[in-house]
Amino acid sequence: MKENKLTPGSNMRWESSRMILPEHREMWLRHQKEDRMKFRPLWDEQQLEEFSHRLQEAVAAGAEVTLHVFDPYAEIKMTGKILQLDALNKTIKIEAGGDIRRVDVQDVMDLET
């Protein structure tokens, strides 16, 4: 192996392959993040009707539920009691973990009772 003058005992060809420009690194990291990104599924009318029925049953029973909430990068689960369904704003008010939160109905992926 031929030594180069910049780094004794190494080959310049291999040394240059480990270098990366900051702009290329940022693009690569952004691509990796986008690659893990999830998309919101589209529901048909039958699925929406079934979900609405399950949601109303949970509210009427006062049962504790687990909502699977959409996030493009993570899986979010909220477990608690549904306090209110707001049909006008299409939101669900839930008490989860001692906090009261509002969740858009379109962001709810699934409901477990």
C-alpha atoms as a PDB file:
ATOM      1  CA  MET A   1       0.000   0.000   0.000  1.00  0.00           C
ATOM      2  CA  LYS A   2       1.281   3.399  -0.925  1.00  0.00           C
ATOM      3  CA  GLU A   3       1.414   6.054   1.788  1.00  0.00           C
ATOM      4  CA  ASN A   4       0.238   9.579   1.089  1.00  0.00           C
ATOM      5  CA  LYS A   5       1.632  12.759   2.546  1.00  0.00           C
ATOM      6  CA  LEU A   6      -1.540  13.849   4.352  1.00  0.00           C
ATOM      7  CA  THR A   7      -2.121  10.835   6.560  1.00  0.00           C
ATOM      8  CA  PRO A   8       0.814   8.448   6.978  1.00  0.00           C
ATOM      9  CA  GLY A   9      -0.010   4.789   6.422  1.00  0.00           C
ATOM     10  CA  SER A  10      -3.274   5.328   4.564  1.00  0.00           C
ATOM     11  CA  ASN A  11      -4.500   5.491   1.021  1.00  0.00           C
ATOM     12  CA  MET A  12      -5.906   8.838  -0.175  1.00  0.00           C
ATOM     13  CA  ARG A  13      -8.589   7.103  -2.259  1.00  0.00           C
ATOM     14  CA  TRP A  14     -10.154   5.479   0.827  1.00  0.00           C
ATOM     15  CA  GLU A  15      -9.743   8.570   2.973  1.00  0.00           C
ATOM     16  CA  SER A  16     -11.764  10.683   0.547  1.00  0.00           C
ATOM     17  CA  SER A  17     -14.673   8.204   0.548  1.00  0.00           C
ATOM     18  CA  ARG A  18     -15.381   8.958   4.225  1.00  0.00           C
ATOM     19  CA  MET A  19     -15.764  12.688   3.716  1.00  0.00           C
ATOM     20  CA  ILE A  20     -19.240  14.130   3.204  1.00  0.00           C
ATOM     21  CA  LEU A  21     -20.342  17.689   2.677  1.00  0.00           C
ATOM     22  CA  PRO A  22     -22.638  19.160   5.350  1.00  0.00           C
ATOM     23  CA  GLU A  23     -25.307  19.869   2.708  1.00  0.00           C
ATOM     24  CA  HIS A  24     -25.256  16.254   1.570  1.00  0.00           C
ATOM     25  CA  ARG A  25     -25.476  15.032   5.164  1.00  0.00           C
ATOM     26  CA  GLU A  26     -28.535  17.239   5.808  1.00  0.00           C
ATOM     27  CA  MET A  27     -30.216  15.972   2.640  1.00  0.00           C
ATOM     28  CA  TRP A  28     -29.447  12.383   3.588  1.00  0.00           C
ATOM     29  CA  LEU A  29     -30.862  12.850   7.115  1.00  0.00           C
ATOM     30  CA  ARG A  30     -33.989  14.546   5.736  1.00  0.00           C
ATOM     31  CA  HIS A  31     -34.455  11.658   3.314  1.00  0.00           C
ATOM     32  CA  GLN A  32     -34.106   9.132   6.149  1.00  0.00           C
ATOM     33  CA  LYS A  33     -36.756  10.990   8.177  1.00  0.00           C
ATOM     34  CA  GLU A  34     -39.147  11.195   5.220  1.00  0.00           C
ATOM     35  CA  ASP A  35     -38.602   7.523   4.528  1.00  0.00           C
ATOM     36  CA  ARG A  36     -39.985   6.663   7.997  1.00  0.00           C
ATOM     37  CA  MET A  37     -42.951   9.016   7.590  1.00  0.00           C
ATOM     38  CA  LYS A  38     -46.435   7.467   7.636  1.00  0.00           C
ATOM     39  CA  PHE A  39     -49.495   8.762   5.823  1.00  0.00           C
ATOM     40  CA  ARG A  40     -53.036   9.102   7.121  1.00  0.00           C
ATOM     41  CA  PRO A  41     -55.243   6.340   5.692  1.00  0.00           C
ATOM     42  CA  LEU A  42     -58.493   7.255   3.991  1.00  0.00           C
ATOM     43  CA  TRP A  43     -61.642   5.829   5.516  1.00  0.00           C
ATOM     44  CA  ASP A  44     -64.734   4.909   3.534  1.00  0.00           C
ATOM     45  CA  GLU A  45     -68.279   5.681   4.668  1.00  0.00           C
ATOM     46  CA  GLN A  46     -68.837   2.244   6.219  1.00  0.00           C
ATOM     47  CA  GLN A  47     -65.673   2.504   8.340  1.00  0.00           C
ATOM     48  CA  LEU A  48     -66.633   6.016   9.482  1.00  0.00           C
ATOM     49  CA  GLU A  49     -70.118   4.847  10.458  1.00  0.00           C
ATOM     50  CA  GLU A  50     -68.722   1.898  12.440  1.00  0.00           C
ATOM     51  CA  PHE A  51     -66.165   4.126  14.175  1.00  0.00           C
ATOM     52  CA  SER A  52     -68.866   6.677  15.049  1.00  0.00           C
ATOM     53  CA  HIS A  53     -71.055   3.933  16.525  1.00  0.00           C
ATOM     54  CA  ARG A  54     -68.182   2.534  18.647  1.00  0.00           C
ATOM     55  CA  LEU A  55     -67.308   6.044  19.817  1.00  0.00           C
ATOM     56  CA  GLN A  56     -70.894   6.823  20.881  1.00  0.00           C
ATOM     57  CA  GLU A  57     -71.132   3.499  22.733  1.00  0.00           C
ATOM     58  CA  ALA A  58     -67.934   4.278  24.649  1.00  0.00           C
ATOM     59  CA  VAL A  59     -69.234   7.715  25.648  1.00  0.00           C
ATOM     60  CA  ALA A  60     -72.622   6.319  26.734  1.00  0.00           C
ATOM     61  CA  ALA A  61     -70.985   3.578  28.815  1.00  0.00           C
ATOM     62  CA  GLY A  62     -68.440   5.953  30.328  1.00  0.00           C
ATOM     63  CA  ALA A  63     -65.819   3.346  29.563  1.00  0.00           C
ATOM     64  CA  GLU A  64     -62.092   3.947  29.418  1.00  0.00           C
ATOM     65  CA  VAL A  65     -60.838   3.847  25.850  1.00  0.00           C
ATOM     66  CA  THR A  66     -57.520   3.895  24.023  1.00  0.00           C
ATOM     67  CA  LEU A  67     -57.319   6.186  21.029  1.00  0.00           C
ATOM     68  CA  HIS A  68     -54.645   5.568  18.416  1.00  0.00           C
ATOM     69  CA  VAL A  69     -53.859   9.077  17.168  1.00  0.00           C
ATOM     70  CA  PHE A  70     -52.191   9.783  13.818  1.00  0.00           C
ATOM     71  CA  ASP A  71     -48.692  11.221  13.790  1.00  0.00           C
ATOM     72  CA  PRO A  72     -46.490  10.974  10.703  1.00  0.00           C
ATOM     73  CA  TYR A  73     -43.408   9.904  12.701  1.00  0.00           C
ATOM     74  CA  ALA A  74     -44.609   8.137  15.838  1.00  0.00           C
ATOM     75  CA  GLU A  75     -47.360   5.950  17.217  1.00  0.00           C
ATOM     76  CA  ILE A  76     -49.422   7.856  19.778  1.00  0.00           C
ATOM     77  CA  LYS A  77     -51.871   6.132  22.123  1.00  0.00           C
ATOM     78  CA  MET A  78     -54.084   8.007  24.576  1.00  0.00           C
ATOM     79  CA  THR A  79     -55.893   6.016  27.230  1.00  0.00           C
ATOM     80  CA  GLY A  80     -58.634   7.688  29.218  1.00  0.00           C
ATOM     81  CA  LYS A  81     -62.278   8.612  29.423  1.00  0.00           C
ATOM     82  CA  ILE A  82     -64.050  10.522  26.674  1.00  0.00           C
ATOM     83  CA  LEU A  83     -65.616  13.612  28.174  1.00  0.00           C
ATOM     84  CA  GLN A  84     -67.264  15.153  25.128  1.00  0.00           C
ATOM     85  CA  LEU A  85     -67.845  14.689  21.404  1.00  0.00           C
ATOM     86  CA  ASP A  86     -67.968  18.000  19.539  1.00  0.00           C
ATOM     87  CA  ALA A  87     -69.744  17.358  16.222  1.00  0.00           C
ATOM     88  CA  LEU A  88     -69.470  20.987  15.119  1.00  0.00           C
ATOM     89  CA  ASN A  89     -65.666  21.169  15.424  1.00  0.00           C
ATOM     90  CA  LYS A  90     -65.224  17.411  14.858  1.00  0.00           C
ATOM     91  CA  THR A  91     -63.138  16.948  17.995  1.00  0.00           C
ATOM     92  CA  ILE A  92     -63.040  14.522  20.901  1.00  0.00           C
ATOM     93  CA  LYS A  93     -62.353  15.781  24.416  1.00  0.00           C
ATOM     94  CA  ILE A  94     -60.560  13.093  26.425  1.00  0.00           C
ATOM     95  CA  GLU A  95     -59.102  12.954  29.913  1.00  0.00           C
ATOM     96  CA  ALA A  96     -55.867  10.994  29.521  1.00  0.00           C
ATOM     97  CA  GLY A  97     -53.081  10.775  32.060  1.00  0.00           C
ATOM     98  CA  GLY A  98     -54.561  13.512  34.241  1.00  0.00           C
ATOM     99  CA  ASP A  99     -54.663  15.964  31.311  1.00  0.00           C
ATOM    100  CA  ILE A 100     -57.666  17.028  29.298  1.00  0.00           C
ATOM    101  CA  ARG A 101     -56.919  16.991  25.588  1.00  0.00           C
ATOM    102  CA  ARG A 102     -58.772  17.673  22.368  1.00  0.00           C
ATOM    103  CA  VAL A 103     -58.166  15.404  19.403  1.00  0.00           C
ATOM    104  CA  ASP A 104     -59.439  15.947  15.863  1.00  0.00           C
ATOM    105  CA  VAL A 105     -61.674  13.073  14.812  1.00  0.00           C
ATOM    106  CA  GLN A 106     -59.791  12.808  11.503  1.00  0.00           C
ATOM    107  CA  ASP A 107     -56.573  12.114  13.457  1.00  0.00           C
ATOM    108  CA  VAL A 108     -58.006   9.092  15.285  1.00  0.00           C
ATOM    109  CA  MET A 109     -56.790   5.927  13.600  1.00  0.00           C
ATOM    110  CA  ASP A 110     -58.434   3.377  15.882  1.00  0.00           C
ATOM    111  CA  LEU A 111     -60.429   3.035  19.080  1.00  0.00           C
ATOM    112  CA  GLU A 112     -60.041   0.267  21.659  1.00  0.00           C
ATOM    113  CA  THR A 113     -62.562  -0.202  24.464  1.00  0.00           C
END
